[in-house]
Amino acid sequence: MPVESSPSLPENVASLQLTERSWNGVQLSVAVFQCSGEVILSLPRQERARLGVILEESGGTCEVRFHPHKPCPVGHMPRYLHFSPADQEVWGHTNASRVVDVTLAFEFDTLGERLATRFDPARLSVPLARFSNDRIWTLVKMLADAVDNPDPSMQLYGDGLVAAIASQVFTAPQAIPDRTGKLAPWQLRRVTGYMESHFPHRIELETLAAQLDLSQAHFSRAFKASTGLAPYQWQLDARIRRAQQLLSATDVSLGDVAEATGFADAVHFGRTFRKLTGMAPGAWRNERRR
């Protein structure tokens, strides 16, 4: 959940709202700054490497500095990213009135084990004050949009996005083999059975991949090749199918259907149901009972 920062804000920062969540062992922080003048913010050394994305800069511009009084040597660009290795001292500078900054903090040894991937040491040790990658920017924005979404399927969704971001940014191209095969029928039965037996609770991508002793990347590709859906989409689709069963076979309220299928409330359930089926739950139930 979003939390307001303590009263001891940096000079010219009027307010700071911070929202955090962990996916695949990677800590995501979404910081929303409201500023009233020039801001120089010291970001202390951290044991984890950090990938940052500026999602919004209104009324001015932002930049990352590796010395507080030396401007960024790379010119401003839209939708830019920045990377600081572990133990790198960093400063943020802005004259914008509103800034939305997203930071992902990585522990690469742990993440490499989870993804069964070797990251490129050259990419992990070089600080980058500004660089452009529209695909990564979009993936990070998708993560930020889901940071406070309580829906159980958001766990698989975020785990997959984090795996994709890490592989895109930090893995040497030849390090990822091109595996496009499908899961064997018994593998698909095992993993979908696992998801059904844990319905509708939150499941991590690492847990599903471990059922078949596969890396997360290999599992995700093979699962989608087998089903046409990413794991989180399959789980969400299964929850909607279960909701349809309850709607057609029982008279329980929409709130009870929402609770039984893992949605936060009837409003969230109704919005998701309509998005995936094209009809509101009540209308879908009435249509089937004519």
Protein backbone atom coordinates (compact mmCIF):
# COMPACT_ATOMS: atom_id res chain seq x y z
CA MET A 1 0.00 0.00 0.00
CA PRO A 2 1.20 3.57 -0.60
CA VAL A 3 2.73 5.27 2.42
CA GLU A 4 3.48 8.93 2.96
CA SER A 5 7.11 9.67 3.78
CA SER A 6 8.30 11.01 7.11
CA PRO A 7 8.15 14.77 7.82
CA SER A 8 11.94 15.14 7.27
CA LEU A 9 11.75 15.53 3.51
CA PRO A 10 14.64 16.85 1.41
CA GLU A 11 14.64 20.58 0.69
CA ASN A 12 11.95 21.66 -1.81
CA VAL A 13 10.21 18.26 -1.70
CA ALA A 14 6.65 19.08 -0.63
CA SER A 15 5.47 15.48 -0.43
CA LEU A 16 6.66 11.98 -1.20
CA GLN A 17 4.47 8.92 -1.61
CA LEU A 18 6.21 5.54 -1.74
CA THR A 19 4.71 2.20 -2.79
CA GLU A 20 6.74 -1.01 -2.64
CA ARG A 21 6.36 -4.64 -3.64
CA SER A 22 8.61 -7.63 -4.27
CA TRP A 23 8.41 -9.90 -7.33
CA ASN A 24 10.84 -12.74 -7.97
CA GLY A 25 13.02 -11.41 -5.14
CA VAL A 26 13.37 -8.02 -6.87
CA GLN A 27 12.23 -5.04 -4.81
CA LEU A 28 10.12 -2.52 -6.74
CA SER A 29 9.64 1.01 -5.39
CA VAL A 30 7.36 3.61 -6.96
CA ALA A 31 8.09 7.12 -5.63
CA VAL A 32 5.84 10.08 -6.41
CA PHE A 33 7.48 13.43 -5.62
CA GLN A 34 5.73 16.80 -5.45
CA CYS A 35 8.38 19.54 -5.55
CA SER A 36 8.42 23.30 -5.07
CA GLY A 37 11.87 24.11 -6.45
CA GLU A 38 15.20 22.60 -7.38
CA VAL A 39 15.88 19.31 -5.62
CA ILE A 40 19.15 17.44 -5.14
CA LEU A 41 18.48 14.13 -3.45
CA SER A 42 21.22 11.85 -2.16
CA LEU A 43 20.52 8.16 -2.68
CA PRO A 44 22.74 6.24 -0.25
CA ARG A 45 24.93 3.36 -1.31
CA GLN A 46 23.04 0.08 -1.41
CA GLU A 47 24.13 -3.54 -1.52
CA ARG A 48 21.79 -4.13 -4.46
CA ALA A 49 22.15 -2.85 -8.00
CA ARG A 50 19.34 -0.52 -9.07
CA LEU A 51 17.54 0.03 -12.35
CA GLY A 52 15.53 3.25 -12.42
CA VAL A 53 12.86 4.54 -14.77
CA ILE A 54 11.37 8.03 -14.81
CA LEU A 55 7.71 7.52 -15.68
CA GLU A 56 6.74 11.16 -15.34
CA GLU A 57 8.50 14.54 -15.06
CA SER A 58 6.05 17.46 -15.13
CA GLY A 59 7.11 21.10 -15.24
CA GLY A 60 10.79 20.34 -15.67
CA THR A 61 13.31 17.54 -16.11
CA CYS A 62 15.13 14.98 -13.98
CA GLU A 63 18.56 13.43 -14.10
CA VAL A 64 20.73 10.96 -12.22
CA ARG A 65 24.18 12.12 -11.18
CA PHE A 66 27.18 10.21 -9.90
CA HIS A 67 28.56 13.40 -8.32
CA PRO A 68 26.20 15.93 -6.66
CA HIS A 69 27.57 18.97 -8.52
CA LYS A 70 28.36 17.45 -11.91
CA PRO A 71 25.40 17.41 -14.33
CA CYS A 72 24.59 14.23 -16.17
CA PRO A 73 26.95 13.91 -19.17
CA VAL A 74 24.20 12.35 -21.32
CA GLY A 75 21.62 14.72 -22.80
CA HIS A 76 17.98 14.48 -21.80
CA MET A 77 15.83 11.98 -23.68
CA PRO A 78 12.21 10.90 -23.31
CA ARG A 79 11.37 7.66 -21.49
CA TYR A 80 14.90 7.12 -20.26
CA LEU A 81 16.32 4.59 -17.80
CA HIS A 82 19.32 4.67 -15.48
CA PHE A 83 21.39 1.94 -13.83
CA SER A 84 23.68 2.02 -10.80
CA PRO A 85 25.72 -1.03 -9.74
CA ALA A 86 25.77 -2.23 -6.15
CA ASP A 87 27.55 0.20 -3.78
CA GLN A 88 27.36 3.03 -6.34
CA GLU A 89 26.71 6.44 -4.81
CA VAL A 90 23.93 8.25 -6.69
CA TRP A 91 22.20 11.63 -6.59
CA GLY A 92 18.92 12.63 -8.16
CA HIS A 93 18.44 16.17 -9.50
CA THR A 94 15.23 17.77 -10.72
CA ASN A 95 13.54 21.10 -11.27
CA ALA A 96 10.21 19.42 -12.10
CA SER A 97 7.09 20.00 -10.01
CA ARG A 98 6.03 16.34 -10.10
CA VAL A 99 8.17 13.25 -10.61
CA VAL A 100 7.22 9.57 -10.72
CA ASP A 101 10.34 7.45 -10.33
CA VAL A 102 10.40 3.65 -10.34
CA THR A 103 13.36 1.71 -8.94
CA LEU A 104 14.04 -2.02 -9.17
CA ALA A 105 16.66 -3.34 -6.72
CA PHE A 106 18.35 -6.58 -7.85
CA GLU A 107 20.31 -9.25 -5.99
CA PHE A 108 21.76 -10.99 -9.02
CA ASP A 109 23.07 -14.17 -7.39
CA THR A 110 19.63 -15.02 -6.04
CA LEU A 111 17.84 -13.93 -9.21
CA GLY A 112 20.26 -15.89 -11.40
CA GLU A 113 19.49 -19.05 -9.43
CA ARG A 114 15.75 -18.46 -9.76
CA LEU A 115 15.93 -17.86 -13.49
CA ALA A 116 18.71 -20.41 -14.15
CA THR A 117 20.52 -17.60 -15.96
CA ARG A 118 24.02 -16.18 -15.96
CA PHE A 119 24.05 -12.43 -16.10
CA ASP A 120 26.72 -10.58 -18.05
CA PRO A 121 29.30 -9.24 -15.51
CA ALA A 122 30.15 -6.37 -17.85
CA ARG A 123 26.56 -5.15 -17.75
CA LEU A 124 26.37 -5.37 -13.94
CA SER A 125 29.41 -3.23 -13.20
CA VAL A 126 29.00 -0.18 -15.45
CA PRO A 127 26.84 2.74 -14.23
CA LEU A 128 24.57 4.33 -16.82
CA ALA A 129 23.14 7.76 -16.06
CA ARG A 130 20.79 7.71 -19.05
CA PHE A 131 19.94 5.17 -21.71
CA SER A 132 16.93 4.38 -23.84
CA ASN A 133 15.02 1.11 -24.23
CA ASP A 134 11.34 1.50 -25.03
CA ARG A 135 10.54 -2.16 -24.38
CA ILE A 136 12.06 -2.12 -20.88
CA TRP A 137 10.45 1.24 -20.10
CA THR A 138 7.06 -0.23 -21.03
CA LEU A 139 7.62 -3.41 -18.98
CA VAL A 140 8.60 -1.36 -15.92
CA LYS A 141 5.52 0.84 -16.34
CA MET A 142 3.37 -2.29 -16.45
CA LEU A 143 4.97 -3.41 -13.18
CA ALA A 144 4.42 0.00 -11.59
CA ASP A 145 0.76 -0.03 -12.63
CA ALA A 146 0.34 -3.37 -10.84
CA VAL A 147 2.31 -2.52 -7.69
CA ASP A 148 -0.74 -2.19 -5.39
CA ASN A 149 -3.08 -4.53 -7.27
CA PRO A 150 -4.11 -7.27 -4.78
CA ASP A 151 -5.41 -9.67 -7.43
CA PRO A 152 -3.76 -13.12 -6.98
CA SER A 153 -2.90 -13.40 -10.68
CA MET A 154 -0.70 -10.30 -10.35
CA GLN A 155 1.96 -12.45 -8.65
CA LEU A 156 2.57 -14.54 -11.77
CA TYR A 157 2.16 -11.41 -13.90
CA GLY A 158 4.85 -9.48 -12.01
CA ASP A 159 7.20 -12.44 -11.70
CA GLY A 160 7.12 -12.83 -15.48
CA LEU A 161 7.73 -9.14 -16.10
CA VAL A 162 10.71 -9.07 -13.72
CA ALA A 163 12.21 -12.11 -15.43
CA ALA A 164 11.78 -10.44 -18.82
CA ILE A 165 13.31 -7.15 -17.63
CA ALA A 166 16.35 -8.83 -16.06
CA SER A 167 16.98 -10.98 -19.13
CA GLN A 168 16.59 -8.06 -21.54
CA VAL A 169 18.88 -5.68 -19.67
CA PHE A 170 21.51 -7.80 -17.97
CA THR A 171 21.93 -11.02 -19.97
CA ALA A 172 24.30 -11.34 -22.89
CA PRO A 173 22.28 -12.20 -26.04
CA GLN A 174 23.94 -15.58 -26.58
CA ALA A 175 23.28 -16.62 -22.97
CA ILE A 176 19.56 -17.30 -23.60
CA PRO A 177 18.97 -20.40 -25.72
CA ASP A 178 16.13 -20.35 -28.19
CA ARG A 179 13.75 -22.96 -26.83
CA THR A 180 10.37 -22.85 -28.51
CA GLY A 181 9.13 -26.37 -27.70
CA LYS A 182 5.91 -27.13 -25.88
CA LEU A 183 5.43 -28.86 -22.56
CA ALA A 184 4.81 -32.58 -22.68
CA PRO A 185 1.16 -33.49 -21.92
CA TRP A 186 2.09 -34.84 -18.47
CA GLN A 187 4.00 -31.65 -17.69
CA LEU A 188 1.05 -29.49 -18.67
CA ARG A 189 -1.30 -31.65 -16.57
CA ARG A 190 1.01 -31.41 -13.57
CA VAL A 191 1.39 -27.64 -13.63
CA THR A 192 -2.25 -26.82 -14.44
CA GLY A 193 -3.32 -29.32 -11.77
CA TYR A 194 -1.08 -27.51 -9.31
CA MET A 195 -2.69 -24.18 -10.17
CA GLU A 196 -6.18 -25.65 -9.87
CA SER A 197 -5.40 -27.27 -6.52
CA HIS A 198 -4.20 -23.92 -5.17
CA PHE A 199 -7.11 -21.99 -6.68
CA PRO A 200 -7.56 -19.04 -6.35
CA HIS A 201 -4.52 -18.19 -4.25
CA ARG A 202 -1.38 -16.33 -5.24
CA ILE A 203 1.32 -18.50 -6.87
CA GLU A 204 4.87 -17.52 -7.75
CA LEU A 205 6.33 -18.25 -11.18
CA GLU A 206 9.35 -19.85 -9.50
CA THR A 207 7.04 -22.38 -7.81
CA LEU A 208 5.40 -23.39 -11.09
CA ALA A 209 8.72 -23.77 -12.92
CA ALA A 210 10.06 -25.89 -10.05
CA GLN A 211 7.20 -28.37 -10.52
CA LEU A 212 8.89 -29.36 -13.80
CA ASP A 213 12.50 -28.62 -12.83
CA LEU A 214 12.69 -25.90 -15.51
CA SER A 215 13.99 -22.35 -15.47
CA GLN A 216 11.33 -19.67 -15.29
CA ALA A 217 12.17 -18.45 -18.79
CA HIS A 218 11.99 -21.93 -20.34
CA PHE A 219 8.81 -22.77 -18.45
CA SER A 220 7.08 -19.53 -19.45
CA ARG A 221 7.90 -19.97 -23.13
CA ALA A 222 6.88 -23.64 -23.17
CA PHE A 223 3.67 -22.97 -21.23
CA LYS A 224 2.59 -20.23 -23.62
CA ALA A 225 3.51 -22.40 -26.63
CA SER A 226 1.32 -25.16 -25.16
CA THR A 227 -1.71 -23.12 -24.11
CA GLY A 228 -1.51 -19.87 -26.06
CA LEU A 229 -1.54 -18.00 -22.74
CA ALA A 230 1.06 -16.73 -20.30
CA PRO A 231 0.79 -18.44 -16.87
CA TYR A 232 -0.88 -15.43 -15.26
CA GLN A 233 -3.40 -15.24 -18.12
CA TRP A 234 -4.20 -18.94 -17.76
CA GLN A 235 -4.76 -18.53 -14.03
CA LEU A 236 -6.98 -15.49 -14.54
CA ASP A 237 -8.92 -17.27 -17.29
CA ALA A 238 -9.44 -20.26 -14.97
CA ARG A 239 -10.80 -17.95 -12.28
CA ILE A 240 -13.25 -16.41 -14.74
CA ARG A 241 -14.35 -19.89 -15.89
CA ARG A 242 -14.98 -20.85 -12.27
CA ALA A 243 -16.97 -17.65 -11.79
CA GLN A 244 -19.08 -18.52 -14.83
CA GLN A 245 -19.83 -21.92 -13.32
CA LEU A 246 -20.97 -20.31 -10.08
CA LEU A 247 -23.05 -17.70 -11.91
CA SER A 248 -24.85 -20.25 -14.06
CA ALA A 249 -25.35 -23.00 -11.46
CA THR A 250 -26.06 -21.05 -8.26
CA ASP A 251 -27.88 -17.98 -6.98
CA VAL A 252 -25.00 -16.70 -4.84
CA SER A 253 -24.38 -12.97 -4.87
CA LEU A 254 -21.77 -11.32 -7.06
CA GLY A 255 -19.83 -10.47 -3.91
CA ASP A 256 -19.71 -14.15 -2.92
CA VAL A 257 -18.61 -15.14 -6.43
CA ALA A 258 -15.88 -12.51 -6.27
CA GLU A 259 -14.63 -13.82 -2.93
CA ALA A 260 -14.71 -17.45 -4.11
CA THR A 261 -12.63 -16.63 -7.16
CA GLY A 262 -10.01 -14.45 -5.46
CA PHE A 263 -11.15 -10.95 -6.40
CA ALA A 264 -10.88 -8.09 -3.92
CA ASP A 265 -14.56 -7.18 -4.21
CA ALA A 266 -17.56 -7.28 -6.54
CA VAL A 267 -16.45 -4.13 -8.35
CA HIS A 268 -13.02 -5.54 -9.19
CA PHE A 269 -14.61 -8.84 -10.20
CA GLY A 270 -17.18 -7.14 -12.41
CA ARG A 271 -14.61 -4.98 -14.16
CA THR A 272 -12.32 -7.96 -14.89
CA PHE A 273 -15.21 -10.25 -15.93
CA ARG A 274 -16.52 -7.68 -18.38
CA LYS A 275 -13.06 -7.06 -19.83
CA LEU A 276 -12.57 -10.76 -20.56
CA THR A 277 -16.08 -11.77 -21.60
CA GLY A 278 -17.57 -8.57 -22.98
CA MET A 279 -20.49 -8.68 -20.51
CA ALA A 280 -21.12 -7.70 -16.91
CA PRO A 281 -21.52 -10.71 -14.58
CA GLY A 282 -25.20 -10.02 -13.89
CA ALA A 283 -25.99 -9.68 -17.57
CA TRP A 284 -24.02 -12.85 -18.35
CA ARG A 285 -26.02 -14.77 -15.71
CA ASN A 286 -29.36 -13.47 -17.02
CA GLU A 287 -28.36 -14.31 -20.60
CA ARG A 288 -27.65 -17.93 -19.65
CA ARG A 289 -30.92 -18.35 -17.77
CA ARG A 290 -33.29 -17.26 -20.52
